[in-house]
């Protein structure tokens, strides 16, 4: 913790995508209102672009791209936030969190003090519960976004004998904004919040795009917004093979349908009905009491994630919405999902304060070790440049300050590689799959 109570809390967020940076940064600010925030963006396929970071609009005292080994080197030398930090928020996928826990445990061996380590989930946990949760075991704090999730998490840890003391019930940190107020000064606005991977296939995504366009044509008095997560070529948390921009353009949308980017909160400010398959935007909308529809057109299926909304009262089809149906959310379901909580972050603040005041903390102790998972753990660590002991592999830590020419060449090569990868995902791979179906 800071040396003086007047000093800001120093929090470093390691994030591997734009949505996880948003979650991590907002979580940091929920821990304390007086924060020095430092961003470390993990280098990879989903590293946020400058446009994505600007759209999120959360400033940081410092921000730079790092490899896993570089981040661990900083943390090991007490330089994770230019002079040490009090809290590290791991806003990453489960495998990355596991690798960082092992790497940090190794980097902090023999130390007298260390930061508190916090992790959790960016949104709704609708698949791979045991897999993702056990990969996060060992952090000082594992955030559950609702009472429902907190109980599931504790049951999972108890089932394998893992310590559940670090599970803390909170809510999604971006649940904020003014309550919904209908307005006669603008058209009734329907916002279709799309997702990169639910659904994934071209046929289903084309269907949803077509229904949004048809809704706009059936209701010329309404404004229909298609809220997009990223521009073609950009990556977010998931790979998007079939961008809605292209699908909608081919359908010849009417003038009252528009594609929009930007901060979800600003879009919700002018939304009268939020429509989605299973996006966390539904929770943001419900938090503000905006009518919200979770689509059933493609079924209620685990693979889509919309089964999470069972009991919510929000299920509807495009046919029902075309006829004017407006779903009404169930209050009890909202309370169980942490959507209506008044101060869901008090327990988090208390947990972090208690741990930081304890002085010395033992190194992180992940559930997975070479004893419990000798056939699994080494592969997880190797994918992040670490050996079986959690130490960076030879050559994994790059030169700290490359020359200007070397930086230009490195960035050009990295951008070219990303472009090639994205072209492969969005153009070449679908063609190969079609060939395979001939």
Protein backbone atom coordinates (compact mmCIF):
# COMPACT_ATOMS: atom_id res chain seq x y z
CA UNK A 1 0.00 0.00 0.00
CA UNK A 2 1.13 3.65 -0.31
CA UNK A 3 3.49 4.97 2.37
CA UNK A 4 1.04 7.74 3.24
CA UNK A 5 -2.74 7.68 3.37
CA UNK A 6 -2.68 10.75 1.11
CA UNK A 7 -0.85 8.88 -1.65
CA UNK A 8 -2.92 7.35 -4.47
CA UNK A 9 -3.25 3.59 -4.65
CA UNK A 10 -0.88 2.33 -7.35
CA UNK A 11 -2.57 -0.23 -9.58
CA UNK A 12 -1.13 -1.91 -12.66
CA UNK A 13 -3.52 -3.57 -15.10
CA UNK A 14 -2.26 -6.27 -17.48
CA UNK A 15 -4.82 -6.62 -20.29
CA UNK A 16 -4.83 -8.70 -23.46
CA UNK A 17 -7.72 -7.06 -25.38
CA UNK A 18 -9.74 -3.86 -25.54
CA UNK A 19 -12.67 -5.24 -23.54
CA UNK A 20 -10.39 -6.63 -20.86
CA UNK A 21 -8.54 -3.32 -20.57
CA UNK A 22 -11.90 -1.64 -20.01
CA UNK A 23 -12.85 -4.21 -17.36
CA UNK A 24 -9.47 -4.08 -15.64
CA UNK A 25 -9.23 -0.30 -15.60
CA UNK A 26 -12.76 0.16 -14.28
CA UNK A 27 -12.17 -2.55 -11.67
CA UNK A 28 -9.08 -0.65 -10.53
CA UNK A 29 -11.15 2.48 -10.08
CA UNK A 30 -13.77 0.56 -8.13
CA UNK A 31 -11.05 -0.55 -5.71
CA UNK A 32 -10.23 3.07 -4.91
CA UNK A 33 -11.33 6.47 -6.13
CA UNK A 34 -7.76 7.76 -5.77
CA UNK A 35 -5.68 5.63 -8.12
CA UNK A 36 -2.48 5.89 -10.09
CA UNK A 37 -3.35 3.62 -13.01
CA UNK A 38 -0.69 2.00 -15.18
CA UNK A 39 -1.55 -0.05 -18.25
CA UNK A 40 0.41 -2.97 -19.64
CA UNK A 41 -1.08 -4.29 -22.86
CA UNK A 42 -0.09 -7.86 -23.57
CA UNK A 43 1.34 -8.26 -27.05
CA UNK A 44 -0.75 -10.66 -29.14
CA UNK A 45 -3.46 -10.99 -31.76
CA UNK A 46 -5.97 -8.92 -29.75
CA UNK A 47 -3.70 -6.13 -28.48
CA UNK A 48 -5.91 -3.00 -28.53
CA UNK A 49 -5.36 -0.49 -31.32
CA UNK A 50 -5.06 3.24 -30.69
CA UNK A 51 -8.61 3.72 -31.99
CA UNK A 52 -10.01 1.10 -29.62
CA UNK A 53 -8.21 2.63 -26.65
CA UNK A 54 -9.44 6.10 -27.56
CA UNK A 55 -13.00 4.79 -27.86
CA UNK A 56 -12.82 3.27 -24.38
CA UNK A 57 -11.49 6.60 -23.13
CA UNK A 58 -9.89 5.55 -19.84
CA UNK A 59 -6.60 7.41 -19.30
CA UNK A 60 -3.59 5.87 -17.57
CA UNK A 61 -0.44 7.36 -16.08
CA UNK A 62 1.60 5.06 -18.30
CA UNK A 63 0.68 2.64 -21.07
CA UNK A 64 2.80 0.33 -23.15
CA UNK A 65 2.85 -3.01 -24.91
CA UNK A 66 4.72 -5.83 -23.21
CA UNK A 67 5.34 -9.52 -23.58
CA UNK A 68 4.56 -11.82 -20.67
CA UNK A 69 8.28 -12.10 -19.88
CA UNK A 70 8.73 -8.33 -19.94
CA UNK A 71 5.82 -7.85 -17.57
CA UNK A 72 7.22 -10.41 -15.15
CA UNK A 73 10.63 -8.79 -15.33
CA UNK A 74 9.10 -5.43 -14.36
CA UNK A 75 7.08 -6.97 -11.55
CA UNK A 76 10.10 -8.86 -10.26
CA UNK A 77 12.16 -5.68 -10.09
CA UNK A 78 9.35 -3.69 -8.45
CA UNK A 79 8.88 -1.58 -11.57
CA UNK A 80 5.42 -2.72 -12.69
CA UNK A 81 4.18 0.85 -12.25
CA UNK A 82 7.31 3.00 -12.44
CA UNK A 83 8.32 2.63 -8.80
CA UNK A 84 6.35 -0.37 -7.67
CA UNK A 85 2.64 -0.94 -7.29
CA UNK A 86 0.16 -1.94 -4.62
CA UNK A 87 -2.24 -4.00 -6.72
CA UNK A 88 -1.92 -5.94 -9.97
CA UNK A 89 -5.13 -6.61 -11.91
CA UNK A 90 -4.78 -9.51 -14.35
CA UNK A 91 -7.41 -8.74 -17.00
CA UNK A 92 -6.62 -11.67 -19.28
CA UNK A 93 -7.87 -15.04 -20.45
CA UNK A 94 -7.56 -17.92 -18.00
CA UNK A 95 -4.42 -19.46 -19.48
CA UNK A 96 -2.61 -16.13 -19.34
CA UNK A 97 -3.70 -15.58 -15.74
CA UNK A 98 -2.35 -19.02 -14.81
CA UNK A 99 0.99 -18.30 -16.48
CA UNK A 100 1.25 -14.91 -14.76
CA UNK A 101 0.47 -16.43 -11.36
CA UNK A 102 3.30 -18.93 -11.75
CA UNK A 103 5.61 -16.30 -13.18
CA UNK A 104 4.87 -13.82 -10.39
CA UNK A 105 5.32 -16.50 -7.73
CA UNK A 106 8.74 -17.21 -9.16
CA UNK A 107 9.64 -13.52 -9.58
CA UNK A 108 8.67 -12.71 -5.99
CA UNK A 109 10.47 -15.59 -4.29
CA UNK A 110 12.38 -14.34 -1.28
CA UNK A 111 10.75 -10.90 -1.32
CA UNK A 112 9.39 -9.21 1.79
CA UNK A 113 6.41 -7.47 0.21
CA UNK A 114 4.41 -7.89 -2.94
CA UNK A 115 1.31 -6.42 -4.61
CA UNK A 116 -2.16 -7.87 -4.13
CA UNK A 117 -3.19 -9.84 -7.23
CA UNK A 118 -6.77 -9.45 -8.50
CA UNK A 119 -8.44 -11.20 -11.43
CA UNK A 120 -11.89 -12.16 -12.65
CA UNK A 121 -14.16 -12.31 -15.69
CA UNK A 122 -14.98 -9.58 -18.19
CA UNK A 123 -18.60 -10.62 -18.59
CA UNK A 124 -21.10 -13.43 -18.29
CA UNK A 125 -19.57 -16.80 -17.38
CA UNK A 126 -21.61 -19.16 -19.55
CA UNK A 127 -19.06 -21.80 -20.57
CA UNK A 128 -15.85 -23.48 -19.38
CA UNK A 129 -16.67 -22.71 -15.75
CA UNK A 130 -14.29 -25.24 -14.18
CA UNK A 131 -11.57 -24.69 -16.78
CA UNK A 132 -11.46 -20.91 -16.52
CA UNK A 133 -11.98 -20.80 -12.78
CA UNK A 134 -9.20 -23.25 -11.90
CA UNK A 135 -6.81 -21.36 -14.17
CA UNK A 136 -7.50 -18.28 -12.02
CA UNK A 137 -7.07 -20.11 -8.71
CA UNK A 138 -4.12 -18.75 -6.77
CA UNK A 139 -4.89 -15.06 -7.18
CA UNK A 140 -5.52 -13.18 -3.93
CA UNK A 141 -8.89 -12.03 -5.24
CA UNK A 142 -11.08 -13.75 -7.84
CA UNK A 143 -14.05 -11.55 -8.65
CA UNK A 144 -17.52 -12.99 -9.16
CA UNK A 145 -19.90 -10.63 -10.93
CA UNK A 146 -23.00 -11.68 -9.00
CA UNK A 147 -24.26 -13.71 -6.04
CA UNK A 148 -25.14 -16.45 -8.53
CA UNK A 149 -21.57 -16.59 -9.84
CA UNK A 150 -20.03 -16.36 -6.36
CA UNK A 151 -21.85 -19.50 -5.23
CA UNK A 152 -20.91 -21.39 -8.40
CA UNK A 153 -17.29 -20.36 -7.97
CA UNK A 154 -17.17 -21.48 -4.33
CA UNK A 155 -18.76 -24.81 -5.19
CA UNK A 156 -16.21 -25.38 -7.94
CA UNK A 157 -13.24 -24.63 -5.69
CA UNK A 158 -14.69 -26.76 -2.89
CA UNK A 159 -15.10 -29.61 -5.35
CA UNK A 160 -11.35 -29.83 -5.93
CA UNK A 161 -10.17 -28.73 -2.50
CA UNK A 162 -8.96 -25.31 -3.64
CA UNK A 163 -9.04 -22.31 -1.31
CA UNK A 164 -12.21 -20.29 -1.93
CA UNK A 165 -11.33 -17.44 0.48
CA UNK A 166 -10.31 -15.17 -2.38
CA UNK A 167 -13.67 -15.29 -4.17
CA UNK A 168 -15.31 -11.90 -3.76
CA UNK A 169 -18.81 -11.03 -4.92
CA UNK A 170 -18.99 -7.79 -6.93
CA UNK A 171 -20.72 -6.70 -10.12
CA UNK A 172 -19.49 -5.84 -13.58
CA UNK A 173 -17.59 -2.55 -13.12
CA UNK A 174 -19.12 -0.88 -16.16
CA UNK A 175 -22.69 -1.11 -14.84
CA UNK A 176 -23.35 2.60 -14.53
CA UNK A 177 -25.21 5.45 -16.16
CA UNK A 178 -28.45 7.34 -15.68
CA UNK A 179 -31.74 5.42 -15.36
CA UNK A 180 -33.80 5.13 -18.53
CA UNK A 181 -36.16 7.99 -19.34
CA UNK A 182 -38.32 7.81 -22.50
CA UNK A 183 -38.11 10.89 -24.68
CA UNK A 184 -40.58 12.43 -27.14
CA UNK A 185 -37.81 14.57 -28.61
CA UNK A 186 -36.26 11.74 -30.65
CA UNK A 187 -37.49 8.67 -32.50
CA UNK A 188 -37.97 5.42 -30.58
CA UNK A 189 -34.51 3.87 -30.88
CA UNK A 190 -33.73 0.15 -31.12
CA UNK A 191 -30.09 -0.79 -30.61
CA UNK A 192 -28.88 -4.19 -31.80
CA UNK A 193 -25.68 -4.90 -29.85
CA UNK A 194 -23.69 -7.41 -31.89
CA UNK A 195 -20.97 -9.80 -30.71
CA UNK A 196 -17.83 -11.08 -32.42
CA UNK A 197 -18.53 -14.76 -31.74
CA UNK A 198 -22.17 -15.33 -30.81
CA UNK A 199 -23.12 -16.57 -33.30
CA UNK A 200 -20.00 -17.34 -35.33
CA UNK A 201 -21.28 -18.70 -38.63
CA UNK A 202 -22.01 -16.57 -41.70
CA UNK A 203 -25.54 -17.96 -42.12
CA UNK A 204 -26.66 -17.09 -38.59
CA UNK A 205 -24.96 -13.71 -38.63
CA UNK A 206 -26.50 -12.86 -41.99
CA UNK A 207 -29.90 -13.85 -40.62
CA UNK A 208 -29.54 -11.51 -37.64
CA UNK A 209 -28.33 -8.67 -39.85
CA UNK A 210 -31.26 -9.21 -42.21
CA UNK A 211 -33.78 -9.17 -39.37
CA UNK A 212 -32.36 -5.89 -38.03
CA UNK A 213 -32.65 -4.38 -41.52
CA UNK A 214 -36.19 -5.71 -41.92
CA UNK A 215 -37.17 -4.28 -38.53
CA UNK A 216 -36.01 -0.87 -39.69
CA UNK A 217 -38.03 -1.21 -42.89
CA UNK A 218 -41.17 -2.33 -41.00
CA UNK A 219 -40.84 0.60 -38.60
CA UNK A 220 -39.72 3.68 -40.55
CA UNK A 221 -40.74 5.79 -37.52
CA UNK A 222 -38.02 4.11 -35.45
CA UNK A 223 -34.27 4.51 -35.55
CA UNK A 224 -32.33 1.24 -35.59
CA UNK A 225 -28.70 1.27 -34.50
CA UNK A 226 -26.34 -1.64 -35.06
CA UNK A 227 -23.74 -1.22 -32.30
CA UNK A 228 -20.42 -2.63 -33.49
CA UNK A 229 -17.51 -3.73 -31.33
CA UNK A 230 -14.67 -3.23 -33.81
CA UNK A 231 -13.84 -2.20 -37.34
CA UNK A 232 -12.87 -4.80 -39.97
CA UNK A 233 -9.28 -5.91 -39.32
CA UNK A 234 -9.40 -5.07 -35.62
CA UNK A 235 -9.66 -7.76 -32.98
CA UNK A 236 -11.43 -7.66 -29.69
CA UNK A 237 -11.76 -10.47 -27.12
CA UNK A 238 -12.81 -12.93 -29.85
CA UNK A 239 -12.01 -13.36 -33.53
CA UNK A 240 -14.69 -12.01 -35.88
CA UNK A 241 -14.70 -13.82 -39.21
CA UNK A 242 -17.83 -12.22 -40.66
CA UNK A 243 -18.05 -8.53 -39.70
CA UNK A 244 -21.58 -7.13 -39.54
CA UNK A 245 -20.42 -4.06 -41.46
CA UNK A 246 -20.09 -6.17 -44.60
CA UNK A 247 -23.20 -8.24 -43.97
CA UNK A 248 -25.43 -5.18 -43.45
CA UNK A 249 -23.97 -3.32 -46.44
CA UNK A 250 -24.92 -6.20 -48.76
CA UNK A 251 -28.55 -5.98 -47.59
CA UNK A 252 -29.03 -2.37 -48.65
CA UNK A 253 -30.18 -0.93 -45.31
CA UNK A 254 -32.81 1.85 -45.17
CA UNK A 255 -31.95 5.37 -44.04
CA UNK A 256 -33.27 4.78 -40.51
CA UNK A 257 -30.67 2.08 -39.82
CA UNK A 258 -27.14 3.13 -38.93
CA UNK A 259 -23.93 1.42 -37.89
CA UNK A 260 -22.44 2.97 -34.77
CA UNK A 261 -19.24 2.61 -32.77
CA UNK A 262 -18.22 4.39 -29.60
CA UNK A 263 -18.81 3.98 -25.90
CA UNK A 264 -21.73 1.67 -25.09
CA UNK A 265 -22.92 4.01 -22.33
CA UNK A 266 -23.33 6.85 -24.82
CA UNK A 267 -25.31 4.62 -27.16
CA UNK A 268 -27.54 3.47 -24.29
CA UNK A 269 -28.25 7.13 -23.46
CA UNK A 270 -30.42 7.24 -26.59
CA UNK A 271 -31.72 3.65 -26.59
CA UNK A 272 -35.35 2.68 -25.92
CA UNK A 273 -34.96 -1.05 -26.64
CA UNK A 274 -31.69 -3.01 -26.49
CA UNK A 275 -31.58 -6.19 -28.59
CA UNK A 276 -28.82 -8.78 -28.42
CA UNK A 277 -28.06 -12.49 -28.49
CA UNK A 278 -26.17 -12.58 -25.20
CA UNK A 279 -23.89 -9.56 -24.98
CA UNK A 280 -22.95 -8.07 -21.60
CA UNK A 281 -24.49 -4.93 -23.10
CA UNK A 282 -27.78 -6.52 -21.97
CA UNK A 283 -26.62 -6.28 -18.35
CA UNK A 284 -25.59 -2.65 -18.85
CA UNK A 285 -29.00 -1.95 -20.34
CA UNK A 286 -30.89 -3.78 -17.58
CA UNK A 287 -28.88 -1.94 -14.93
CA UNK A 288 -30.31 1.30 -16.33
CA UNK A 289 -33.86 -0.16 -16.58
CA UNK A 290 -33.82 0.05 -20.38
CA UNK A 291 -36.18 -2.53 -21.97
CA UNK A 292 -33.96 -5.38 -23.13
CA UNK A 293 -34.58 -8.27 -25.51
CA UNK A 294 -32.44 -11.41 -25.59
CA UNK A 295 -33.06 -13.06 -28.94
CA UNK A 296 -34.42 -16.59 -29.21
CA UNK A 297 -34.40 -16.75 -33.03
CA UNK A 298 -31.38 -19.08 -33.08
CA UNK A 299 -32.53 -21.03 -30.04
CA UNK A 300 -31.62 -20.81 -26.37
CA UNK A 301 -28.30 -22.64 -26.36
CA UNK A 302 -25.17 -22.85 -24.25
CA UNK A 303 -23.03 -22.19 -27.32
CA UNK A 304 -24.72 -18.81 -27.74
CA UNK A 305 -24.60 -17.89 -24.07
CA UNK A 306 -28.21 -16.72 -24.01
CA UNK A 307 -29.13 -19.53 -21.62
CA UNK A 308 -27.59 -17.29 -18.96
CA UNK A 309 -30.77 -15.19 -19.15
CA UNK A 310 -33.14 -18.01 -18.17
CA UNK A 311 -35.67 -16.54 -15.76
CA UNK A 312 -34.88 -12.95 -16.72
CA UNK A 313 -38.11 -12.31 -18.60
CA UNK A 314 -36.09 -10.84 -21.47
CA UNK A 315 -36.41 -13.56 -24.12
CA UNK A 316 -38.03 -12.49 -27.39
CA UNK A 317 -37.79 -13.14 -31.12
CA UNK A 318 -37.46 -10.60 -33.91
CA UNK A 319 -41.03 -11.52 -34.95
CA UNK A 320 -42.30 -10.49 -31.52
CA UNK A 321 -40.26 -7.30 -31.58
CA UNK A 322 -41.60 -6.50 -35.05
CA UNK A 323 -45.11 -6.71 -33.58
CA UNK A 324 -44.24 -4.20 -30.85
CA UNK A 325 -43.44 -6.51 -27.92
CA UNK A 326 -41.28 -4.89 -25.21
CA UNK A 327 -39.88 -7.39 -22.64
CA UNK A 328 -40.04 -6.63 -18.92
CA UNK A 329 -37.17 -7.91 -16.75
CA UNK A 330 -37.81 -9.95 -13.60
CA UNK A 331 -36.65 -8.03 -10.47
CA UNK A 332 -35.61 -11.16 -8.56
CA UNK A 333 -33.43 -12.31 -11.45
CA UNK A 334 -31.81 -8.87 -11.66
CA UNK A 335 -30.98 -8.95 -7.95
CA UNK A 336 -29.42 -12.43 -8.19
CA UNK A 337 -27.26 -11.32 -11.11
CA UNK A 338 -25.84 -8.28 -9.33
CA UNK A 339 -27.52 -5.91 -11.73
CA UNK A 340 -29.47 -4.00 -9.09
CA UNK A 341 -26.88 -3.94 -6.28
CA UNK A 342 -26.36 -0.53 -4.61
CA UNK A 343 -22.71 -0.92 -3.49
CA UNK A 344 -21.37 -4.17 -4.94
CA UNK A 345 -17.71 -3.22 -4.53
CA UNK A 346 -17.51 -2.76 -0.76
CA UNK A 347 -16.34 -6.34 -0.20
CA UNK A 348 -13.64 -5.92 -2.85
CA UNK A 349 -12.28 -2.76 -1.24
CA UNK A 350 -12.29 -4.45 2.16
CA UNK A 351 -10.49 -7.55 0.89
CA UNK A 352 -7.76 -5.55 -0.88
CA UNK A 353 -7.27 -3.26 2.13
CA UNK A 354 -6.96 -6.21 4.51
CA UNK A 355 -4.44 -8.04 2.35
CA UNK A 356 -2.35 -4.94 1.74
CA UNK A 357 -2.28 -4.13 5.46
CA UNK A 358 -1.07 -7.65 6.27
CA UNK A 359 2.45 -6.66 5.25
CA UNK A 360 4.10 -9.80 3.95
CA UNK A 361 2.02 -12.10 1.76
CA UNK A 362 3.01 -15.59 0.66
CA UNK A 363 3.70 -16.06 -3.07
CA UNK A 364 0.66 -16.88 -5.22
CA UNK A 365 -0.20 -20.57 -4.93
CA UNK A 366 -2.04 -21.73 -8.09
CA UNK A 367 -4.12 -24.90 -7.89
CA UNK A 368 -2.38 -26.29 -10.96
CA UNK A 369 1.19 -27.40 -10.25
CA UNK A 370 3.58 -29.97 -11.70
CA UNK A 371 2.17 -32.32 -9.07
CA UNK A 372 -1.54 -31.83 -9.81
CA UNK A 373 -1.37 -31.22 -13.59
CA UNK A 374 2.00 -32.39 -14.99
CA UNK A 375 0.51 -33.04 -18.42
CA UNK A 376 -1.32 -29.71 -18.69
CA UNK A 377 0.55 -26.96 -16.89
CA UNK A 378 3.85 -27.01 -18.86
CA UNK A 379 1.98 -26.39 -22.11
CA UNK A 380 0.05 -23.46 -20.61
CA UNK A 381 3.28 -21.89 -19.38
CA UNK A 382 5.19 -22.55 -22.62
CA UNK A 383 2.56 -20.70 -24.66
CA UNK A 384 3.50 -17.60 -22.69
CA UNK A 385 7.26 -18.02 -22.92
CA UNK A 386 7.74 -19.61 -19.50
CA UNK A 387 9.37 -22.87 -18.49
CA UNK A 388 7.81 -25.41 -16.15
CA UNK A 389 9.10 -23.46 -13.12
CA UNK A 390 7.50 -20.20 -14.24
CA UNK A 391 10.75 -18.62 -15.38
CA UNK A 392 11.03 -16.86 -18.75
CA UNK A 393 12.59 -19.04 -21.42
CA UNK A 394 15.97 -17.90 -22.78
CA UNK A 395 15.56 -14.84 -24.99
CA UNK A 396 11.96 -14.23 -23.91
CA UNK A 397 12.74 -10.82 -22.37
CA UNK A 398 13.37 -8.37 -25.18
CA UNK A 399 15.82 -5.49 -25.04
CA UNK A 400 14.19 -2.83 -22.86
CA UNK A 401 14.91 0.21 -25.03
CA UNK A 402 15.42 -0.73 -28.68
CA UNK A 403 16.85 1.81 -31.05
CA UNK A 404 14.51 4.02 -33.07
CA UNK A 405 15.25 2.06 -36.27
CA UNK A 406 14.73 -1.24 -34.50
CA UNK A 407 11.41 -0.04 -33.07
CA UNK A 408 10.21 0.99 -36.54
CA UNK A 409 11.23 -2.35 -38.05
CA UNK A 410 9.74 -4.30 -35.13
CA UNK A 411 6.42 -2.42 -35.27
CA UNK A 412 6.21 -2.76 -39.05
CA UNK A 413 6.84 -6.50 -38.85
CA UNK A 414 4.31 -6.88 -36.05
CA UNK A 415 1.65 -4.92 -37.93
CA UNK A 416 2.30 -6.95 -41.08
CA UNK A 417 1.99 -10.17 -39.14
CA UNK A 418 -1.27 -9.04 -37.58
CA UNK A 419 -2.64 -8.00 -40.97
CA UNK A 420 -1.69 -11.35 -42.47
CA UNK A 421 -3.27 -13.21 -39.56
CA UNK A 422 -6.49 -11.25 -39.80
CA UNK A 423 -6.66 -11.66 -43.57
CA UNK A 424 -6.21 -15.38 -43.04
CA UNK A 425 -8.99 -15.51 -40.45
CA UNK A 426 -11.45 -13.33 -42.30
CA UNK A 427 -10.82 -14.29 -45.94
CA UNK A 428 -8.63 -17.31 -46.51
CA UNK A 429 -9.98 -19.62 -43.78
CA UNK A 430 -13.64 -19.32 -44.87
CA UNK A 431 -12.65 -20.09 -48.48
CA UNK A 432 -10.74 -23.19 -47.38
CA UNK A 433 -13.73 -24.35 -45.34
CA UNK A 434 -16.03 -23.89 -48.36
CA UNK A 435 -13.63 -25.93 -50.48
CA UNK A 436 -13.78 -28.66 -47.90
CA UNK A 437 -17.57 -28.77 -48.20
CA UNK A 438 -17.51 -29.31 -51.99
